[in-house]
Amino acid sequence: MSKNILNNFGMSLIETMVALLILMVAFISLIQSFPFSQSVVKTAENSTKAAYLAQNELEQLLALNYESVPVGTVEAKQRLSADSTNYLYYFQRQTTVNYLDSNWQSSASDTGMKKISVTVYYTHSISKKESSYNVSALISQR
């Protein structure tokens, strides 16, 4: 009785090349995702900074008493720093204060209630368009 057993140990050259091709495609697609993920992280960072800058300005105005908070455009839309090496250079802020009537609408006369609105503008890292973060609060006479 003769045995015809074929032993195929190892991989052929074609199998090795196909395996390398699959690994290369996976590696290249993984590498290509890094720039996009960096843009997403930068956008989130800018959004967080904008929220902080808006909240900071709002808190400063809320710390004043009612009479000390000026009505109108408190801060026109402008860069927060003139130094291009400072991260604040890429942010702009606008602050407005308006009187409100009993229907929560803007009023020309003092009704005992003011609305403070702070808007911070920044460039969206992915779309490269201007984005904004707005925060508002009410302050009333005591």
Foldseek 3Di string as FASTA:
>chain_A
DDDDDDDDPDDDPVVVVVVVVVVVVVVVVVVVCVVVVVLVVVLVVVVVVQVVVQVVVVVVLQVDAPVPRDAAWPDDWDQPDPDPVDPSRQKTKTKHKFAADPVRDGDPDHPFKMKIKMKMWGARSPVRDIDIDMDMDMHGHD
